[in-house]
Amino acid sequence: FLSRLHQGMAYGTIDILIVSASNLTNRETLSKNDPYCRVELAGSAQHFITKTKKNAGSQCMWEERVRFNVIEGQNTLNVAVYEKDTLFKDELIGKGSLDLRAVYSNGASPLDQFVSIADKETRPSGEVRLVLTFTP
């Protein structure tokens, strides 16, 4: 598949299981986080947003799946976790990214990854667990 990679052709799909988040920094003052996760394939318009987990606090389970088509140059998955706010703008808990080249070279075997996320001031604010599978 590497030769197709260099020709600029579509070369497969990546299946992403957004499993969970842990050690999330609390962004709520009077209650617990209501987190949701947004994943985005850099270099494309493809993105996915999980359901919000009400009163999840610092840990949550999503167990949601998405499939993206991938082409040459799309080597980064951006991951962000937000605090859902009903009265104000949703607040970023943290964001991070994952280099997908390890997933591509792993073939059809699922790759279990933890993505560290950081807030706007680059302070650690938790991690997101993903299981990714590439299909040429």
Protein backbone atom coordinates (compact mmCIF):
# COMPACT_ATOMS: atom_id res chain seq x y z
CA PHE A 1 0.00 0.00 0.00
CA LEU A 2 2.99 2.35 0.42
CA SER A 3 3.31 2.79 -3.34
CA ARG A 4 -0.32 3.88 -3.51
CA LEU A 5 0.35 6.24 -0.62
CA HIS A 6 2.86 8.17 -2.71
CA GLN A 7 0.58 8.40 -5.74
CA GLY A 8 -1.99 10.59 -3.96
CA MET A 9 -4.76 8.03 -4.28
CA ALA A 10 -7.28 7.03 -1.68
CA TYR A 11 -5.66 4.09 0.00
CA GLY A 12 -8.01 2.88 2.67
CA THR A 13 -10.15 3.47 5.70
CA ILE A 14 -9.41 3.92 9.35
CA ASP A 15 -11.89 2.62 11.91
CA ILE A 16 -11.76 4.42 15.24
CA LEU A 17 -13.34 3.21 18.45
CA ILE A 18 -13.49 6.11 20.89
CA VAL A 19 -13.38 4.09 24.09
CA SER A 20 -13.06 6.41 27.06
CA ALA A 21 -11.44 9.38 28.77
CA SER A 22 -9.70 9.43 32.13
CA ASN A 23 -8.12 11.93 34.51
CA LEU A 24 -10.09 14.79 32.98
CA THR A 25 -9.62 18.18 34.59
CA ASN A 26 -12.93 19.40 36.03
CA ARG A 27 -14.24 22.50 34.23
CA GLU A 28 -17.47 22.74 36.26
CA THR A 29 -17.65 24.86 39.42
CA LEU A 30 -20.78 23.43 41.03
CA SER A 31 -21.07 20.00 39.42
CA LYS A 32 -19.17 17.38 37.43
CA ASN A 33 -17.97 17.51 33.81
CA ASP A 34 -20.41 16.68 31.03
CA PRO A 35 -17.73 15.65 28.50
CA TYR A 36 -17.91 14.82 24.82
CA CYS A 37 -15.10 13.99 22.41
CA ARG A 38 -14.42 15.34 18.93
CA VAL A 39 -12.05 13.52 16.58
CA GLU A 40 -10.93 15.03 13.29
CA LEU A 41 -8.78 13.70 10.48
CA ALA A 42 -6.27 16.48 9.77
CA GLY A 43 -6.19 17.54 6.12
CA SER A 44 -9.85 16.64 5.57
CA ALA A 45 -13.34 17.76 6.52
CA GLN A 46 -14.01 14.42 8.24
CA HIS A 47 -14.85 14.64 11.92
CA PHE A 48 -17.02 12.94 14.52
CA ILE A 49 -18.51 14.04 17.84
CA THR A 50 -19.51 11.57 20.55
CA LYS A 51 -22.57 11.83 22.72
CA THR A 52 -22.24 13.94 25.87
CA LYS A 53 -21.84 11.99 29.12
CA LYS A 54 -23.82 13.85 31.78
CA ASN A 55 -22.16 14.24 35.20
CA ALA A 56 -19.32 11.93 34.20
CA GLY A 57 -16.70 13.90 36.10
CA SER A 58 -13.08 12.94 35.44
CA GLN A 59 -13.79 9.51 33.86
CA CYS A 60 -16.20 8.50 31.11
CA MET A 61 -16.95 5.71 28.65
CA TRP A 62 -18.18 6.44 25.14
CA GLU A 63 -17.60 3.20 23.18
CA GLU A 64 -18.53 4.96 19.91
CA ARG A 65 -17.22 4.10 16.44
CA VAL A 66 -16.45 6.12 13.34
CA ARG A 67 -14.82 5.29 9.99
CA PHE A 68 -12.82 7.80 7.94
CA ASN A 69 -11.51 7.45 4.39
CA VAL A 70 -7.80 8.24 4.28
CA ILE A 71 -5.55 9.48 1.48
CA GLU A 72 -1.91 10.48 1.18
CA GLY A 73 -0.77 13.05 3.71
CA GLN A 74 -3.51 12.40 6.25
CA ASN A 75 -1.23 11.25 9.03
CA THR A 76 -2.71 13.05 12.04
CA LEU A 77 -5.84 12.50 14.08
CA ASN A 78 -6.80 15.48 16.25
CA VAL A 79 -8.62 14.64 19.48
CA ALA A 80 -10.40 17.15 21.73
CA VAL A 81 -12.61 16.78 24.79
CA TYR A 82 -15.10 19.50 25.67
CA GLU A 83 -17.31 20.26 28.64
CA LYS A 84 -20.91 20.65 27.43
CA ASP A 85 -22.45 23.83 28.82
CA THR A 86 -26.15 24.57 28.46
CA LEU A 87 -25.91 28.30 29.23
CA PHE A 88 -22.53 29.29 27.79
CA LYS A 89 -20.11 28.21 25.08
CA ASP A 90 -18.77 24.66 25.51
CA GLU A 91 -15.35 24.74 27.18
CA LEU A 92 -12.27 22.89 26.00
CA ILE A 93 -11.05 20.40 28.60
CA GLY A 94 -8.07 19.41 26.48
CA LYS A 95 -6.80 18.49 23.04
CA GLY A 96 -4.05 16.36 21.57
CA SER A 97 -3.10 14.53 18.41
CA LEU A 98 -2.07 11.07 17.27
CA ASP A 99 0.37 10.22 14.47
CA LEU A 100 -1.49 7.70 12.34
CA ARG A 101 1.56 6.25 10.57
CA ALA A 102 1.92 3.63 13.33
CA VAL A 103 -1.70 2.59 12.68
CA TYR A 104 -1.07 2.34 8.92
CA SER A 105 2.03 0.21 9.40
CA ASN A 106 0.21 -2.06 11.87
CA GLY A 107 -1.87 -3.49 9.02
CA ALA A 108 -5.31 -4.83 9.85
CA SER A 109 -4.46 -5.41 13.52
CA PRO A 110 -6.22 -3.04 15.94
CA LEU A 111 -3.93 -0.60 17.73
CA ASP A 112 -4.89 0.45 21.26
CA GLN A 113 -3.68 4.01 21.93
CA PHE A 114 -3.89 6.55 24.72
CA VAL A 115 -3.82 10.17 23.55
CA SER A 116 -2.69 12.69 26.16
CA ILE A 117 -4.67 15.92 26.06
CA ALA A 118 -3.68 19.36 27.34
CA ASP A 119 -5.60 22.58 27.97
CA LYS A 120 -5.04 25.96 26.27
CA GLU A 121 -2.07 26.64 28.56
CA THR A 122 -0.59 23.22 27.62
CA ARG A 123 -1.22 21.80 31.12
CA PRO A 124 -2.03 18.06 31.13
CA SER A 125 -5.81 17.61 31.37
CA GLY A 126 -6.40 13.89 30.84
CA GLU A 127 -6.18 11.19 28.22
CA VAL A 128 -8.45 9.58 25.65
CA ARG A 129 -8.32 5.87 24.79
CA LEU A 130 -8.80 4.95 21.13
CA VAL A 131 -8.63 1.64 19.28
CA LEU A 132 -7.75 2.16 15.62
CA THR A 133 -7.75 -0.25 12.69
CA PHE A 134 -6.50 0.53 9.17
CA THR A 135 -7.92 -1.28 6.16
CA PRO A 136 -6.10 -0.76 2.84
